[in-house]
Amino acid sequence: MPDPLLYLKSAGMAATVSALIVLILAARQGRTNPLRLTVACLVGGGLGIAAGCWLLGWRAGWPTNALDRFVKLVIPGCLLAELLSARLSGRVWRWLLRAAWIATAPPTLLFGSVHVVEGHAGGMGMAPAVLCVLSSLMLAATWFPVDWLNDRLPAQMPLVAALGAAVLCAGAAVMLGGYIKGGAVVCPLVGPLVGAAVASRVITPRLPRALIAVGVIELYGVVFVGTFFGRLALGQALVLILSPLLCWVSEFPGVRQQRPWVKAALQLALVAIPLALVVRMAKRDFDVRMKQSRMASLPSHNRSRYHLPHDFGQIDRGRGNCVDVRLFGGGRAIREDHAIDRRRRLWHGLLFGDLDRLDG
């Protein structure tokens, strides 16, 4: 069962460790060294993630599943790539390292999974190579614009906050889909991001570029694992991974001249809207599955008394999205609501899967 107190402790420990290491390594008198600050944030972030995962029960060892590979291989690889790019001068080297990481992250997460062994992407009808290419393109479509926006913004704290909120909402959606460990991992991931950002803001107004990169990678990894190894719908995954791009609203004409706090509030408000909708959809589907599970446990004579179909409440083996189910008669009977407007169901099917249920 989920333990919210343990998750809070993990996030708090990770944030504290990360912030302390950044302050110890980078807080020096005189002019701030950007390279030292970047190294401090990466080292502090890595140790903070390790401390938070240790509190959740993770131990060192060779990864055995996609979530393990994300935490033990993908995240350290991202930290190492950002460390090397900080040491190497020039934008070309930096993006070459990032391009290599973008190309290798999806195969690393899919290695040995059913999507590769069976030769198809989880019933999506595409080859694993095509899936890896599309996943890499999606990561690049988020990472490149966010990094470009980071160069244009005078203050990066709203962008870091938007990335942290997206990671938290992605974890909540994954957890509501039934993958508890896949959602709980966001606690030791977001904690170091916030801790390092706050400590860096105390030292200098401009945050290191590496923090933005780490935030994008964390969001991508959680969404990827939740989509292909959990019940996160593809439409919800796209909304989560692309939501930080709404921070570009600060560069629109008429908004660019506003005060910094107005632009920051507008950025966070726009990002929060799609994130809240995704979490609400995930919570609704969770409630539907719980109702189906309770009704499936009823004896057969009770099921016939409520006029329920024989297969009602069975586990959905598709994408995890269930039809709309309503409570009637003071909670004594549950039935499918076939009176939902067909246009609404069509949009729901297009955005969140479940197209097979439209002909009902």
Protein backbone atom coordinates (compact mmCIF):
# COMPACT_ATOMS: atom_id res chain seq x y z
CA MET A 1 0.00 0.00 0.00
CA PRO A 2 1.20 3.57 -0.64
CA ASP A 3 2.79 5.28 2.36
CA PRO A 4 2.48 9.08 1.93
CA LEU A 5 4.58 9.80 5.02
CA LEU A 6 7.43 7.67 3.67
CA TYR A 7 7.21 9.46 0.32
CA LEU A 8 7.40 12.85 2.03
CA LYS A 9 10.41 11.72 4.05
CA SER A 10 12.12 10.52 0.88
CA ALA A 11 11.52 13.81 -0.93
CA GLY A 12 12.62 15.82 2.11
CA MET A 13 15.81 13.83 2.60
CA ALA A 14 16.68 14.05 -1.09
CA ALA A 15 16.09 17.81 -1.16
CA THR A 16 18.09 18.39 2.02
CA VAL A 17 21.08 16.35 0.87
CA SER A 18 21.10 18.03 -2.51
CA ALA A 19 20.85 21.55 -1.10
CA LEU A 20 23.56 21.00 1.50
CA ILE A 21 26.01 19.61 -1.04
CA VAL A 22 25.39 22.50 -3.42
CA LEU A 23 25.95 25.04 -0.67
CA ILE A 24 29.11 23.30 0.56
CA LEU A 25 30.69 22.90 -2.87
CA ALA A 26 29.61 26.12 -4.58
CA ALA A 27 29.12 28.73 -1.84
CA ARG A 28 32.41 30.60 -1.95
CA GLN A 29 33.19 34.22 -1.31
CA GLY A 30 33.76 36.39 -4.33
CA ARG A 31 32.58 35.80 -7.88
CA THR A 32 30.52 32.65 -8.49
CA ASN A 33 32.07 30.10 -10.82
CA PRO A 34 29.36 28.73 -13.20
CA LEU A 35 31.27 25.50 -13.77
CA ARG A 36 31.67 24.87 -10.03
CA LEU A 37 27.97 25.56 -9.50
CA THR A 38 26.98 23.15 -12.27
CA VAL A 39 29.21 20.41 -10.89
CA ALA A 40 27.85 21.00 -7.40
CA CYS A 41 24.25 20.74 -8.62
CA LEU A 42 24.93 17.53 -10.53
CA VAL A 43 26.84 15.90 -7.66
CA GLY A 44 24.28 17.08 -5.12
CA GLY A 45 21.40 15.94 -7.31
CA GLY A 46 22.90 12.49 -7.79
CA LEU A 47 23.58 11.97 -4.09
CA GLY A 48 20.16 13.34 -3.20
CA ILE A 49 18.45 10.88 -5.55
CA ALA A 50 20.52 8.05 -4.07
CA ALA A 51 19.57 9.06 -0.52
CA GLY A 52 15.87 9.32 -1.35
CA CYS A 53 15.82 5.98 -3.17
CA TRP A 54 17.65 4.34 -0.29
CA LEU A 55 14.96 5.54 2.09
CA LEU A 56 12.32 4.00 -0.18
CA GLY A 57 14.08 0.64 -0.01
CA TRP A 58 16.10 0.71 -3.20
CA ARG A 59 19.50 -0.93 -2.98
CA ALA A 60 22.52 -1.09 -5.23
CA GLY A 61 22.50 -3.90 -7.76
CA TRP A 62 22.11 -4.67 -11.42
CA PRO A 63 18.75 -3.36 -12.74
CA THR A 64 16.15 -5.99 -13.48
CA ASN A 65 13.28 -3.97 -14.99
CA ALA A 66 12.57 -0.72 -16.80
CA LEU A 67 12.13 1.31 -13.62
CA ASP A 68 15.43 0.04 -12.25
CA ARG A 69 17.16 0.89 -15.51
CA PHE A 70 15.69 4.38 -15.41
CA VAL A 71 16.93 5.08 -11.89
CA LYS A 72 20.25 3.20 -12.02
CA LEU A 73 21.33 3.74 -15.64
CA VAL A 74 19.40 6.53 -17.36
CA ILE A 75 19.56 9.12 -14.57
CA PRO A 76 23.30 8.58 -13.86
CA GLY A 77 23.96 8.67 -17.61
CA CYS A 78 22.17 12.00 -17.86
CA LEU A 79 24.16 13.43 -14.95
CA LEU A 80 27.41 12.24 -16.51
CA ALA A 81 26.51 13.67 -19.92
CA GLU A 82 25.67 17.05 -18.40
CA LEU A 83 28.90 16.99 -16.39
CA LEU A 84 30.95 16.31 -19.52
CA SER A 85 29.08 18.96 -21.51
CA ALA A 86 29.80 21.49 -18.76
CA ARG A 87 33.49 20.67 -18.91
CA LEU A 88 33.64 20.88 -22.71
CA SER A 89 33.37 24.35 -24.18
CA GLY A 90 31.11 24.92 -27.14
CA ARG A 91 27.47 24.37 -27.95
CA VAL A 92 28.28 21.69 -30.53
CA TRP A 93 29.86 19.31 -28.02
CA ARG A 94 27.02 19.83 -25.61
CA TRP A 95 24.36 18.93 -28.13
CA LEU A 96 26.34 16.01 -29.51
CA LEU A 97 26.44 14.49 -26.04
CA ARG A 98 22.75 15.15 -25.55
CA ALA A 99 21.89 13.70 -28.95
CA ALA A 100 23.79 10.53 -28.09
CA TRP A 101 21.93 10.29 -24.80
CA ILE A 102 18.56 10.92 -26.48
CA ALA A 103 19.24 8.10 -28.95
CA THR A 104 20.25 5.57 -26.29
CA ALA A 105 17.65 6.25 -23.57
CA PRO A 106 14.60 4.51 -25.17
CA PRO A 107 16.46 1.27 -26.07
CA THR A 108 17.87 1.18 -22.54
CA LEU A 109 14.41 1.39 -21.00
CA LEU A 110 12.89 -1.15 -23.41
CA PHE A 111 15.74 -3.66 -23.21
CA GLY A 112 14.51 -7.18 -22.46
CA SER A 113 10.87 -6.12 -22.18
CA VAL A 114 7.86 -7.68 -23.89
CA HIS A 115 7.86 -4.79 -26.38
CA VAL A 116 11.20 -6.04 -27.73
CA VAL A 117 10.89 -9.79 -27.16
CA GLU A 118 7.54 -10.11 -28.93
CA GLY A 119 8.63 -7.75 -31.70
CA HIS A 120 5.81 -5.23 -31.30
CA ALA A 121 5.31 -2.13 -29.20
CA GLY A 122 2.77 -3.34 -26.68
CA GLY A 123 0.04 -3.96 -29.23
CA MET A 124 0.58 -0.63 -31.00
CA GLY A 125 1.51 -2.37 -34.22
CA MET A 126 4.96 -0.81 -34.61
CA ALA A 127 8.44 -2.28 -34.53
CA PRO A 128 10.68 -1.60 -31.52
CA ALA A 129 13.07 0.43 -33.70
CA VAL A 130 10.22 2.69 -34.81
CA LEU A 131 9.08 3.07 -31.22
CA CYS A 132 12.59 4.07 -30.11
CA VAL A 133 12.86 6.66 -32.89
CA LEU A 134 9.47 8.18 -32.07
CA SER A 135 10.29 8.26 -28.36
CA SER A 136 13.61 9.98 -29.04
CA LEU A 137 11.91 12.54 -31.25
CA MET A 138 9.36 13.25 -28.54
CA LEU A 139 12.12 13.79 -26.00
CA ALA A 140 13.97 16.11 -28.38
CA ALA A 141 10.75 18.02 -29.12
CA THR A 142 10.48 18.83 -25.42
CA TRP A 143 14.14 19.22 -24.48
CA PHE A 144 15.31 21.55 -27.26
CA PRO A 145 12.56 24.22 -26.90
CA VAL A 146 12.79 24.17 -23.10
CA ASP A 147 16.56 24.59 -23.24
CA TRP A 148 16.19 27.44 -25.71
CA LEU A 149 13.63 29.11 -23.44
CA ASN A 150 16.05 28.71 -20.54
CA ASP A 151 18.58 30.87 -22.42
CA ARG A 152 15.99 33.60 -23.01
CA LEU A 153 14.57 33.81 -19.50
CA PRO A 154 16.23 36.12 -16.97
CA ALA A 155 15.04 33.85 -14.12
CA GLN A 156 14.72 30.08 -14.47
CA MET A 157 12.95 29.27 -11.21
CA PRO A 158 9.43 29.24 -12.79
CA LEU A 159 10.67 26.83 -15.45
CA VAL A 160 12.15 24.51 -12.82
CA ALA A 161 8.91 24.72 -10.84
CA ALA A 162 6.88 23.82 -13.95
CA LEU A 163 9.10 20.80 -14.61
CA GLY A 164 8.84 19.69 -10.99
CA ALA A 165 5.04 19.99 -11.05
CA ALA A 166 4.88 18.00 -14.29
CA VAL A 167 7.02 15.22 -12.78
CA LEU A 168 4.83 15.08 -9.67
CA CYS A 169 1.61 14.93 -11.69
CA ALA A 170 3.09 12.25 -13.93
CA GLY A 171 3.94 10.20 -10.85
CA ALA A 172 0.42 10.66 -9.49
CA ALA A 173 -1.13 9.54 -12.77
CA VAL A 174 1.14 6.49 -12.96
CA MET A 175 0.35 5.57 -9.35
CA LEU A 176 -3.40 5.94 -9.91
CA GLY A 177 -3.01 3.58 -12.85
CA GLY A 178 -1.85 0.87 -10.46
CA TYR A 179 1.94 1.12 -10.80
CA ILE A 180 2.66 2.29 -7.25
CA LYS A 181 6.44 1.99 -7.35
CA GLY A 182 6.58 3.71 -10.73
CA GLY A 183 4.72 6.68 -9.31
CA ALA A 184 6.51 6.79 -5.96
CA VAL A 185 9.89 7.18 -7.66
CA VAL A 186 9.10 10.84 -8.41
CA CYS A 187 9.59 11.73 -4.73
CA PRO A 188 13.38 11.17 -4.67
CA LEU A 189 13.58 12.69 -8.16
CA VAL A 190 11.76 15.98 -7.55
CA GLY A 191 13.35 16.56 -4.14
CA PRO A 192 16.93 17.06 -5.43
CA LEU A 193 15.66 19.18 -8.32
CA VAL A 194 13.94 21.58 -5.95
CA GLY A 195 16.71 21.48 -3.33
CA ALA A 196 19.49 22.18 -5.84
CA ALA A 197 17.46 24.95 -7.48
CA VAL A 198 16.77 26.72 -4.18
CA ALA A 199 20.39 26.42 -3.05
CA SER A 200 21.63 27.70 -6.42
CA ARG A 201 19.20 30.63 -6.24
CA VAL A 202 20.72 31.58 -2.89
CA ILE A 203 24.16 31.70 -4.49
CA THR A 204 23.34 33.33 -7.84
CA PRO A 205 20.20 34.60 -9.62
CA ARG A 206 20.84 32.44 -12.71
CA LEU A 207 20.40 28.69 -12.31
CA PRO A 208 22.65 26.16 -14.07
CA ARG A 209 21.46 24.81 -17.39
CA ALA A 210 21.96 21.25 -16.12
CA LEU A 211 18.98 21.55 -13.75
CA ILE A 212 16.62 22.06 -16.68
CA ALA A 213 18.10 19.06 -18.47
CA VAL A 214 17.71 16.83 -15.42
CA GLY A 215 14.11 17.95 -14.96
CA VAL A 216 13.23 17.13 -18.58
CA ILE A 217 14.86 13.70 -18.32
CA GLU A 218 13.03 12.88 -15.10
CA LEU A 219 9.70 13.82 -16.68
CA TYR A 220 10.43 11.79 -19.79
CA GLY A 221 11.49 8.70 -17.84
CA VAL A 222 8.46 8.66 -15.55
CA VAL A 223 6.06 9.15 -18.47
CA PHE A 224 7.82 6.52 -20.59
CA VAL A 225 7.77 3.88 -17.86
CA GLY A 226 4.17 4.67 -16.97
CA THR A 227 3.03 4.44 -20.59
CA PHE A 228 4.73 1.21 -21.65
CA PHE A 229 4.87 -0.60 -18.32
CA GLY A 230 1.86 0.88 -16.54
CA ARG A 231 -1.63 2.08 -17.45
CA LEU A 232 -0.86 5.67 -18.46
CA ALA A 233 -2.77 6.38 -21.68
CA LEU A 234 -0.86 7.68 -24.68
CA GLY A 235 -2.88 10.89 -24.84
CA GLN A 236 -2.21 11.61 -21.18
CA ALA A 237 1.49 10.89 -21.71
CA LEU A 238 1.68 13.40 -24.55
CA VAL A 239 -0.02 16.07 -22.47
CA LEU A 240 2.38 15.48 -19.58
CA ILE A 241 5.57 15.48 -21.64
CA LEU A 242 4.61 18.59 -23.64
CA SER A 243 3.13 20.65 -20.80
CA PRO A 244 6.41 22.50 -19.96
CA LEU A 245 6.31 24.05 -23.44
CA LEU A 246 3.47 26.27 -22.21
CA CYS A 247 6.12 28.29 -20.37
CA TRP A 248 6.84 29.89 -23.74
CA VAL A 249 3.85 32.13 -23.05
CA SER A 250 6.29 34.53 -21.36
CA GLU A 251 7.80 35.30 -24.79
CA PHE A 252 4.51 36.19 -26.45
CA PRO A 253 3.92 39.82 -27.48
CA GLY A 254 2.17 41.70 -24.74
CA VAL A 255 3.42 39.30 -22.07
CA ARG A 256 7.14 39.87 -22.55
CA GLN A 257 6.88 43.43 -21.19
CA GLN A 258 5.08 42.38 -18.01
CA ARG A 259 6.71 42.21 -14.60
CA PRO A 260 8.65 39.03 -13.79
CA TRP A 261 6.18 37.83 -11.16
CA VAL A 262 3.27 38.28 -13.58
CA LYS A 263 5.03 36.21 -16.25
CA ALA A 264 5.96 33.54 -13.70
CA ALA A 265 2.38 33.30 -12.43
CA LEU A 266 1.03 33.03 -15.97
CA GLN A 267 3.55 30.31 -16.84
CA LEU A 268 2.71 28.20 -13.81
CA ALA A 269 -1.05 28.69 -14.25
CA LEU A 270 -1.01 27.56 -17.87
CA VAL A 271 1.12 24.52 -17.08
CA ALA A 272 -1.10 23.58 -14.14
CA ILE A 273 -4.29 23.40 -16.23
CA PRO A 274 -3.41 20.36 -18.42
CA LEU A 275 -1.62 18.68 -15.52
CA ALA A 276 -4.73 18.95 -13.35
CA LEU A 277 -6.89 17.55 -16.15
CA VAL A 278 -4.62 14.53 -16.57
CA VAL A 279 -4.64 13.78 -12.84
CA ARG A 280 -8.42 14.15 -12.77
CA MET A 281 -8.81 11.70 -15.66
CA ALA A 282 -6.47 9.23 -13.96
CA LYS A 283 -8.41 9.54 -10.70
CA ARG A 284 -11.70 8.94 -12.50
CA ASP A 285 -10.38 5.81 -14.18
CA PHE A 286 -9.03 4.63 -10.84
CA ASP A 287 -12.46 5.05 -9.21
CA VAL A 288 -14.07 3.15 -12.09
CA ARG A 289 -11.70 0.22 -11.70
CA MET A 290 -12.26 0.13 -7.96
CA LYS A 291 -16.04 0.00 -8.45
CA GLN A 292 -15.67 -2.75 -11.02
CA SER A 293 -13.40 -4.71 -8.71
CA ARG A 294 -15.89 -4.48 -5.83
CA MET A 295 -18.78 -5.59 -8.03
CA ALA A 296 -16.74 -8.43 -9.50
CA SER A 297 -16.24 -9.81 -5.98
CA LEU A 298 -20.00 -10.13 -5.45
CA PRO A 299 -21.54 -13.63 -5.52
CA SER A 300 -23.20 -14.66 -8.76
CA HIS A 301 -26.75 -14.39 -7.35
CA ASN A 302 -26.10 -10.78 -6.31
CA ARG A 303 -24.71 -9.97 -9.72
CA SER A 304 -27.85 -11.27 -11.39
CA ARG A 305 -30.01 -9.30 -8.97
CA TYR A 306 -28.27 -6.11 -10.02
CA HIS A 307 -28.68 -7.06 -13.73
CA LEU A 308 -24.94 -6.88 -14.36
CA PRO A 309 -23.30 -8.51 -17.39
CA HIS A 310 -21.35 -11.67 -16.68
CA ASP A 311 -18.01 -10.10 -17.63
CA PHE A 312 -18.57 -6.87 -15.68
CA GLY A 313 -15.62 -5.97 -13.47
CA GLN A 314 -13.04 -8.10 -15.22
CA ILE A 315 -9.58 -6.62 -15.53
CA ASP A 316 -9.14 -4.45 -18.59
CA ARG A 317 -6.19 -5.87 -20.51
CA GLY A 318 -5.97 -2.92 -22.88
CA ARG A 319 -4.55 0.51 -22.13
CA GLY A 320 -6.17 0.66 -18.70
CA ASN A 321 -8.90 3.16 -19.64
CA CYS A 322 -12.39 2.09 -18.60
CA VAL A 323 -15.81 3.12 -19.82
CA ASP A 324 -17.76 5.70 -17.90
CA VAL A 325 -19.55 4.03 -14.99
CA ARG A 326 -22.07 5.76 -12.74
CA LEU A 327 -23.60 4.94 -9.36
CA PHE A 328 -27.39 4.76 -9.23
CA GLY A 329 -29.93 3.99 -6.55
CA GLY A 330 -27.91 5.26 -3.58
CA GLY A 331 -24.88 3.17 -4.45
CA ARG A 332 -26.78 -0.17 -4.64
CA ALA A 333 -26.34 -0.73 -8.35
CA ILE A 334 -23.73 0.12 -10.94
CA ARG A 335 -24.30 0.14 -14.66
CA GLU A 336 -22.71 1.45 -17.80
CA ASP A 337 -24.01 4.84 -18.86
CA HIS A 338 -24.80 4.42 -22.56
CA ALA A 339 -26.41 7.84 -22.72
CA ILE A 340 -23.07 9.66 -22.94
CA ASP A 341 -22.92 11.93 -25.93
CA ARG A 342 -21.23 10.12 -28.86
CA ARG A 343 -19.10 13.12 -29.76
CA ARG A 344 -17.74 13.29 -26.24
CA ARG A 345 -16.88 9.58 -26.31
CA LEU A 346 -15.17 10.00 -29.68
CA TRP A 347 -12.88 12.74 -28.38
CA HIS A 348 -12.18 10.67 -25.27
CA GLY A 349 -11.24 7.71 -27.43
CA LEU A 350 -8.96 9.74 -29.66
CA LEU A 351 -7.13 11.42 -26.80
CA PHE A 352 -6.99 8.64 -24.24
CA GLY A 353 -7.28 5.42 -26.22
CA ASP A 354 -10.28 3.12 -25.82
CA LEU A 355 -11.45 3.45 -29.42
CA ASP A 356 -12.72 -0.13 -29.31
CA ARG A 357 -15.49 0.93 -26.91
CA LEU A 358 -17.03 3.60 -29.12
CA ASP A 359 -19.46 1.24 -30.84
CA GLY A 360 -21.70 0.63 -27.87
